[in-house]
Amino acid sequence: MACQEGHLECARLLLEAGAAVNQARDNGVTPLLVACYLGHLDVAKLLSSYGASRAATPFGTPEEVANRLGHADLAAWLVASRGWTPLAHLETLTAARALSLLRSGASLHEGEPTPLRRAAGGEGEVAALVRRAAAPWSPASHSLFPAAARARAALLILSIYEIHERHELDSAGTTNGIAALDFVACVLRFAITRETE
């Protein structure tokens, strides 16, 4: 009903609370199809950012429905965004949702165009988050990495701390000329990747 009536914020709240984005009515009508039927572009963008299916229904695909009913701007957007992953919806995502996608392992390099390519020239907080997430691991970008990569970074840092304590390093944290802080700055950025399992 929120999608049918074009109530964007209501639809956003429902999706944030875990509503099933592809839950169809008995007749096969999905939330995206009804939004396209009625020309609700912003609602369609939101649903797409949550991975709404664009597959055919008994009434056609969302793209076909938008075309048939004369919603040219919506139909054009559906064509332009065919290869997007949820993270590529930079203009629709909130910063909190983008962070959640990044932390759960959303790829910066999948889709066409990729989220990173879309963010390269993009403005706004979400585009900036995607660009930051593409940088090598650092303490400043740690929060943008998936849970497995963050856990690996924490384990490696803890290991350095334990080595420091066990070998009673001097106050500069050096042994054999290697500073523990240099390790974090120079080595972890190569040891920790977004794809760490």
Protein backbone atom coordinates (compact mmCIF):
# COMPACT_ATOMS: atom_id res chain seq x y z
CA MET A 1 0.00 0.00 0.00
CA ALA A 2 2.87 2.41 0.77
CA CYS A 3 4.27 1.81 -2.72
CA GLN A 4 0.86 2.08 -4.34
CA GLU A 5 0.20 5.43 -2.66
CA GLY A 6 3.73 6.72 -3.31
CA HIS A 7 4.51 7.14 0.38
CA LEU A 8 8.30 7.11 0.09
CA GLU A 9 9.18 7.54 3.75
CA CYS A 10 6.66 4.94 4.86
CA ALA A 11 8.13 2.49 2.33
CA ARG A 12 11.64 3.34 3.55
CA LEU A 13 10.67 2.68 7.17
CA LEU A 14 9.09 -0.64 6.25
CA LEU A 15 12.15 -1.74 4.28
CA GLU A 16 14.51 -0.64 7.05
CA ALA A 17 12.44 -2.75 9.44
CA GLY A 18 12.90 -5.81 7.23
CA ALA A 19 9.79 -5.83 5.02
CA ALA A 20 10.10 -8.30 2.15
CA VAL A 21 10.88 -6.17 -0.90
CA ASN A 22 9.58 -8.80 -3.34
CA GLN A 23 6.47 -9.94 -1.45
CA ALA A 24 3.83 -10.26 -4.16
CA ARG A 25 0.07 -10.12 -3.82
CA ASP A 26 -1.92 -13.23 -4.73
CA ASN A 27 -2.20 -11.96 -8.32
CA GLY A 28 1.61 -11.63 -8.67
CA VAL A 29 1.81 -7.85 -8.30
CA THR A 30 5.03 -6.84 -6.51
CA PRO A 31 5.72 -3.53 -4.75
CA LEU A 32 8.01 -2.48 -7.64
CA LEU A 33 5.39 -3.34 -10.23
CA VAL A 34 2.72 -1.27 -8.49
CA ALA A 35 5.12 1.67 -8.10
CA CYS A 36 5.90 1.47 -11.83
CA TYR A 37 2.22 1.12 -12.71
CA LEU A 38 1.44 4.37 -10.89
CA GLY A 39 4.63 6.20 -11.91
CA HIS A 40 6.19 6.58 -8.47
CA LEU A 41 9.82 7.05 -9.56
CA ASP A 42 11.29 7.72 -6.10
CA VAL A 43 9.56 4.67 -4.64
CA ALA A 44 10.83 2.53 -7.53
CA LYS A 45 14.37 3.80 -6.89
CA LEU A 46 14.07 2.95 -3.20
CA LEU A 47 12.77 -0.55 -3.91
CA SER A 48 15.54 -1.12 -6.44
CA SER A 49 18.12 -0.06 -3.86
CA TYR A 50 16.85 -2.92 -1.70
CA GLY A 51 17.26 -5.38 -4.55
CA ALA A 52 13.67 -5.50 -5.82
CA SER A 53 13.24 -8.04 -8.60
CA ARG A 54 12.61 -6.74 -12.10
CA ALA A 55 11.51 -10.14 -13.36
CA ALA A 56 8.35 -10.58 -15.38
CA THR A 57 5.03 -10.85 -13.55
CA PRO A 58 1.66 -11.85 -15.05
CA PHE A 59 1.37 -8.15 -16.03
CA GLY A 60 4.84 -7.83 -17.58
CA THR A 61 8.11 -6.51 -16.23
CA PRO A 62 8.21 -3.25 -14.26
CA GLU A 63 9.96 -1.65 -17.23
CA GLU A 64 7.24 -2.80 -19.65
CA VAL A 65 4.51 -1.52 -17.33
CA ALA A 66 6.17 1.91 -16.97
CA ASN A 67 6.53 2.16 -20.76
CA ARG A 68 2.98 1.00 -21.44
CA LEU A 69 1.51 3.56 -19.05
CA GLY A 70 3.59 6.47 -20.34
CA HIS A 71 5.88 6.96 -17.35
CA ALA A 72 8.82 7.86 -19.58
CA ASP A 73 11.13 9.16 -16.84
CA LEU A 74 10.61 6.02 -14.77
CA ALA A 75 11.06 3.73 -17.77
CA ALA A 76 14.28 5.55 -18.74
CA TRP A 77 15.62 5.21 -15.18
CA LEU A 78 14.80 1.49 -15.13
CA VAL A 79 16.77 1.04 -18.36
CA ALA A 80 19.72 3.11 -17.08
CA SER A 81 19.90 1.20 -13.79
CA ARG A 82 19.51 -2.36 -15.11
CA GLY A 83 22.99 -3.49 -14.00
CA TRP A 84 23.13 -1.68 -10.67
CA THR A 85 23.70 -3.44 -7.37
CA PRO A 86 22.02 -1.99 -4.26
CA LEU A 87 25.21 -0.06 -3.38
CA ALA A 88 25.17 1.68 -6.77
CA HIS A 89 21.98 3.57 -5.85
CA LEU A 90 24.00 6.49 -4.47
CA GLU A 91 21.26 9.11 -4.77
CA THR A 92 18.71 6.94 -2.97
CA LEU A 93 20.78 5.46 -0.15
CA THR A 94 21.08 7.07 3.23
CA ALA A 95 24.56 7.18 4.73
CA ALA A 96 23.45 4.64 7.36
CA ARG A 97 22.22 2.20 4.70
CA ALA A 98 25.39 2.64 2.62
CA LEU A 99 27.48 1.96 5.73
CA SER A 100 25.40 -1.14 6.47
CA LEU A 101 25.91 -2.43 2.90
CA LEU A 102 29.65 -1.77 3.05
CA ARG A 103 30.02 -3.43 6.45
CA SER A 104 28.08 -6.47 5.26
CA GLY A 105 30.45 -6.93 2.32
CA ALA A 106 28.77 -5.22 -0.64
CA SER A 107 31.16 -5.20 -3.57
CA LEU A 108 32.52 -1.93 -4.90
CA HIS A 109 33.36 -3.61 -8.22
CA GLU A 110 30.25 -5.56 -9.24
CA GLY A 111 27.43 -4.34 -11.44
CA GLU A 112 27.41 -2.05 -14.43
CA PRO A 113 28.36 0.59 -13.76
CA THR A 114 30.02 -0.40 -10.51
CA PRO A 115 29.27 1.50 -7.31
CA LEU A 116 32.85 2.79 -7.31
CA ARG A 117 32.57 4.09 -10.87
CA ARG A 118 29.29 5.84 -10.03
CA ALA A 119 30.85 7.34 -6.89
CA ALA A 120 34.00 8.55 -8.66
CA GLY A 121 32.42 11.77 -9.84
CA GLY A 122 29.48 11.78 -7.47
CA GLU A 123 28.68 14.29 -4.79
CA GLY A 124 27.24 13.72 -1.36
CA GLU A 125 27.93 11.68 1.72
CA VAL A 126 27.16 8.27 0.20
CA ALA A 127 29.49 8.77 -2.78
CA ALA A 128 32.20 9.91 -0.36
CA LEU A 129 31.69 6.78 1.77
CA VAL A 130 32.04 4.52 -1.28
CA ARG A 131 35.25 6.29 -2.34
CA ARG A 132 36.65 6.00 1.22
CA ALA A 133 35.74 2.31 1.31
CA ALA A 134 37.82 1.73 -1.83
CA ALA A 135 40.98 3.02 -0.15
CA PRO A 136 43.38 0.58 1.51
CA TRP A 137 42.65 -0.38 5.10
CA SER A 138 43.57 2.25 7.68
CA PRO A 139 42.34 3.11 11.15
CA ALA A 140 40.22 5.82 9.49
CA SER A 141 38.59 3.41 7.03
CA HIS A 142 38.34 0.43 9.43
CA SER A 143 34.61 0.96 10.05
CA LEU A 144 33.83 0.69 6.32
CA PHE A 145 35.21 -2.85 5.97
CA PRO A 146 33.17 -6.07 6.34
CA ALA A 147 33.08 -7.84 9.70
CA ALA A 148 35.62 -10.52 8.68
CA ALA A 149 38.16 -7.91 7.58
CA ARG A 150 37.64 -5.84 10.74
CA ALA A 151 38.11 -8.96 12.89
CA ARG A 152 41.31 -9.83 11.03
CA ALA A 153 42.66 -6.31 11.53
CA ALA A 154 41.84 -6.45 15.25
CA LEU A 155 43.57 -9.83 15.58
CA LEU A 156 46.72 -8.60 13.83
CA ILE A 157 46.84 -5.43 15.94
CA LEU A 158 46.35 -7.52 19.10
CA SER A 159 49.18 -9.79 17.96
CA ILE A 160 51.52 -6.80 17.62
CA TYR A 161 50.51 -5.62 21.09
CA GLU A 162 51.24 -9.08 22.54
CA ILE A 163 54.64 -9.18 20.82
CA HIS A 164 55.34 -5.72 22.21
CA GLU A 165 54.44 -6.85 25.74
CA ARG A 166 56.20 -10.20 25.54
CA HIS A 167 59.48 -8.78 24.32
CA GLU A 168 59.32 -5.67 26.54
CA LEU A 169 59.98 -3.27 23.74
CA ASP A 170 61.14 0.22 24.51
CA SER A 171 58.67 3.08 24.80
CA ALA A 172 58.95 3.82 21.08
CA GLY A 173 57.64 0.31 20.41
CA THR A 174 60.61 -0.71 18.31
CA THR A 175 62.45 -3.97 17.87
CA ASN A 176 65.03 -4.63 15.21
CA GLY A 177 64.32 -1.13 13.90
CA ILE A 178 60.67 -1.78 13.07
CA ALA A 179 58.08 0.34 14.85
CA ALA A 180 54.76 -1.25 15.75
CA LEU A 181 52.97 1.82 14.44
CA ASP A 182 54.79 1.47 11.14
CA PHE A 183 53.52 -2.10 10.99
CA VAL A 184 49.95 -0.93 11.39
CA ALA A 185 50.39 1.85 8.86
CA CYS A 186 52.43 -0.03 6.29
CA VAL A 187 51.57 -3.71 6.57
CA LEU A 188 47.93 -3.88 7.58
CA ARG A 189 46.89 -1.81 4.57
CA PHE A 190 48.10 -4.73 2.41
CA ALA A 191 47.07 -7.56 4.75
CA ILE A 192 43.47 -6.43 5.18
CA THR A 193 41.22 -6.36 2.14
CA ARG A 194 37.48 -6.02 1.67
CA GLU A 195 37.42 -9.64 0.47
CA THR A 196 39.12 -11.08 3.59
CA GLU A 197 37.31 -14.28 4.61
